[in-house]
Amino acid sequence: LDKTEKKAELGANAILPVSIAACKAGAAEKEVPLYRHIADLYGKASPMLPILAFTVISGGKHAGNNLAIQEAVRRAGYTDKIKIAFDVAATNFCIGTRYDLDFKSPQKSGHNFLSAENMVELYRELCNDFPIMSIEDPFGMEDWEHIKRFSSTGICQVVGDDF
């Protein structure tokens, strides 16, 4: 129900409740539970439980710490049970074509810049070293070149809500 092809126009706040209502109506029409209808829409023979997500470490523009990036697995023995997703929100610390990883520390800001190429390598290293399954907004909102480049590696899911 957004403005994409073959869809009517609704605002962002209306899309989710209208989609939920349509999904519930579809399940009721088929006389199946909602989870079964969703699995059918997704093309899965058997439904899967959703993946739980929660914030462990918060950073970025709105956090009360000096971490540039928004968002103890191995030592706890949960490597095969827990995956990491984080919201970098890189637009907040993208200055031109460089990324200021110390943008929240006025006395350090400007001393820890990385190029977009360096950011690709940083994400690649993090994904190789940790069970990262998803990275949201890894580059500035205008940096389509590096979004495409990093997405094409297939290392992890790349999500963009700032683009």
Protein backbone atom coordinates (compact mmCIF):
# COMPACT_ATOMS: atom_id res chain seq x y z
CA LEU A 1 0.00 0.00 0.00
CA ASP A 2 2.95 2.32 -0.46
CA LYS A 3 3.82 4.17 -3.66
CA THR A 4 5.61 1.30 -5.37
CA GLU A 5 4.29 -0.08 -8.65
CA LYS A 6 0.82 -1.67 -8.50
CA LYS A 7 0.16 -0.26 -5.03
CA ALA A 8 -2.12 2.49 -3.74
CA GLU A 9 -0.86 5.41 -1.67
CA LEU A 10 -0.67 5.26 2.13
CA GLY A 11 1.65 6.94 4.58
CA ALA A 12 4.35 5.01 6.43
CA ASN A 13 2.37 4.91 9.68
CA ALA A 14 -0.65 3.37 7.94
CA ILE A 15 1.17 0.70 5.92
CA LEU A 16 1.82 -1.71 8.82
CA PRO A 17 -1.69 -1.77 10.35
CA VAL A 18 -3.34 -2.04 6.93
CA SER A 19 -0.96 -4.85 5.98
CA ILE A 20 -1.69 -6.66 9.25
CA ALA A 21 -5.44 -6.31 8.70
CA ALA A 22 -5.14 -7.63 5.13
CA CYS A 23 -3.01 -10.54 6.35
CA LYS A 24 -5.52 -11.43 9.09
CA ALA A 25 -8.35 -11.24 6.56
CA GLY A 26 -6.47 -13.61 4.24
CA ALA A 27 -5.95 -16.11 7.05
CA ALA A 28 -9.63 -15.88 8.04
CA GLU A 29 -10.72 -16.42 4.42
CA LYS A 30 -8.54 -19.56 4.20
CA GLU A 31 -9.66 -20.61 7.71
CA VAL A 32 -6.07 -21.15 8.84
CA PRO A 33 -4.08 -19.63 11.70
CA LEU A 34 -2.27 -16.38 10.88
CA TYR A 35 1.19 -17.97 11.18
CA ARG A 36 0.19 -20.64 8.61
CA HIS A 37 -1.11 -17.99 6.18
CA ILE A 38 2.13 -16.00 6.53
CA ALA A 39 4.18 -19.16 5.90
CA ASP A 40 2.08 -19.81 2.77
CA LEU A 41 2.65 -16.25 1.54
CA TYR A 42 6.36 -16.65 2.13
CA GLY A 43 6.37 -19.96 0.25
CA LYS A 44 7.37 -22.14 3.19
CA ALA A 45 5.76 -25.55 3.66
CA SER A 46 6.23 -25.37 7.42
CA PRO A 47 6.14 -22.15 9.40
CA MET A 48 9.19 -20.84 11.21
CA LEU A 49 9.22 -18.89 14.42
CA PRO A 50 10.36 -15.29 14.06
CA ILE A 51 13.86 -14.39 15.14
CA LEU A 52 13.89 -12.46 18.37
CA ALA A 53 15.88 -9.24 18.42
CA PHE A 54 16.93 -6.97 21.24
CA THR A 55 19.45 -4.22 21.82
CA VAL A 56 22.49 -5.15 23.87
CA ILE A 57 24.77 -2.20 23.20
CA SER A 58 23.48 1.11 21.98
CA GLY A 59 25.55 3.79 20.35
CA GLY A 60 25.22 6.40 17.69
CA LYS A 61 23.63 9.81 17.69
CA HIS A 62 20.96 9.14 20.33
CA ALA A 63 22.97 7.08 22.86
CA GLY A 64 24.52 8.50 26.00
CA ASN A 65 27.98 7.11 25.25
CA ASN A 66 30.83 7.71 22.80
CA LEU A 67 30.19 4.76 20.49
CA ALA A 68 29.81 5.86 16.88
CA ILE A 69 27.96 2.72 15.82
CA GLN A 70 24.51 1.82 17.14
CA GLU A 71 24.28 -1.66 18.52
CA ALA A 72 29.73 -11.89 25.01
CA VAL A 73 28.41 -14.45 22.80
CA ARG A 74 31.37 -16.83 22.41
CA ARG A 75 32.40 -16.95 26.08
CA ALA A 76 28.81 -17.66 27.12
CA GLY A 77 28.70 -20.68 24.79
CA TYR A 78 25.92 -19.41 22.53
CA THR A 79 27.81 -18.93 19.26
CA ASP A 80 25.52 -21.30 17.38
CA LYS A 81 22.36 -19.88 19.00
CA ILE A 82 22.80 -16.11 18.88
CA LYS A 83 23.40 -13.93 15.86
CA ILE A 84 24.24 -10.23 15.91
CA ALA A 85 22.57 -7.44 13.98
CA PHE A 86 23.49 -3.82 14.35
CA ASP A 87 22.34 -0.44 13.15
CA VAL A 88 25.39 1.57 12.20
CA ALA A 89 23.41 4.69 11.18
CA ALA A 90 26.52 5.80 9.28
CA THR A 91 24.78 8.86 7.85
CA ASN A 92 25.18 10.45 11.28
CA PHE A 93 28.98 10.34 11.10
CA CYS A 94 29.54 10.50 7.34
CA ILE A 95 31.36 13.67 6.36
CA GLY A 96 31.67 13.88 2.59
CA THR A 97 33.20 10.55 1.62
CA ARG A 98 34.76 9.78 5.01
CA TYR A 99 33.40 8.38 8.25
CA ASP A 100 34.32 10.00 11.58
CA LEU A 101 34.26 7.14 14.10
CA ASP A 102 34.94 9.60 16.94
CA PHE A 103 32.19 12.08 16.03
CA LYS A 104 30.74 11.86 19.55
CA SER A 105 34.01 12.83 21.21
CA PRO A 106 34.67 16.53 20.47
CA GLN A 107 38.30 16.29 21.60
CA LYS A 108 38.93 13.31 19.27
CA SER A 109 36.62 14.08 16.37
CA GLY A 110 38.48 14.35 13.09
CA HIS A 111 41.29 12.02 14.16
CA ASN A 112 39.68 8.66 13.41
CA PHE A 113 38.35 8.90 9.86
CA LEU A 114 37.82 5.88 7.64
CA SER A 115 37.16 5.89 3.92
CA ALA A 116 34.18 3.95 2.57
CA GLU A 117 36.63 1.31 1.35
CA ASN A 118 38.02 1.03 4.89
CA MET A 119 34.46 0.70 6.21
CA VAL A 120 33.83 -2.21 3.79
CA GLU A 121 36.93 -3.92 5.17
CA LEU A 122 35.91 -3.18 8.77
CA TYR A 123 32.48 -4.76 8.22
CA ARG A 124 34.05 -7.72 6.45
CA GLU A 125 36.40 -8.30 9.40
CA LEU A 126 33.59 -7.94 11.94
CA CYS A 127 31.39 -10.41 10.02
CA ASN A 128 34.27 -12.90 9.81
CA ASP A 129 35.12 -12.58 13.51
CA PHE A 130 31.61 -12.45 14.99
CA PRO A 131 28.25 -14.08 14.22
CA ILE A 132 26.86 -10.98 12.50
CA MET A 133 23.82 -11.65 10.35
CA SER A 134 22.65 -8.12 9.55
CA ILE A 135 24.02 -4.58 9.32
CA GLU A 136 21.66 -1.64 8.98
CA ASP A 137 22.72 1.59 7.28
CA PRO A 138 26.43 0.74 6.98
CA PHE A 139 27.16 3.80 4.79
CA GLY A 140 25.92 7.36 4.35
CA MET A 141 22.51 7.69 2.72
CA GLU A 142 24.01 8.99 -0.53
CA ASP A 143 26.73 6.33 -0.79
CA TRP A 144 24.92 3.92 -3.11
CA GLU A 145 28.19 2.68 -4.62
CA HIS A 146 29.44 1.17 -1.36
CA ILE A 147 26.00 -0.08 -0.30
CA LYS A 148 25.84 -2.06 -3.56
CA ARG A 149 29.44 -3.20 -3.24
CA PHE A 150 29.08 -4.42 0.34
CA SER A 151 25.64 -5.98 -0.31
CA SER A 152 27.04 -7.93 -3.26
CA THR A 153 29.59 -9.68 -1.02
CA GLY A 154 26.76 -11.70 0.54
CA ILE A 155 28.58 -11.70 3.88
CA CYS A 156 25.47 -10.64 5.76
CA GLN A 157 22.08 -9.07 5.27
CA VAL A 158 22.30 -5.36 4.55
CA VAL A 159 19.33 -3.25 5.65
CA GLY A 160 18.76 0.37 4.74
CA ASP A 161 16.10 2.58 6.25
CA ASP A 162 18.04 5.83 5.93
CA PHE A 163 18.40 5.48 2.15
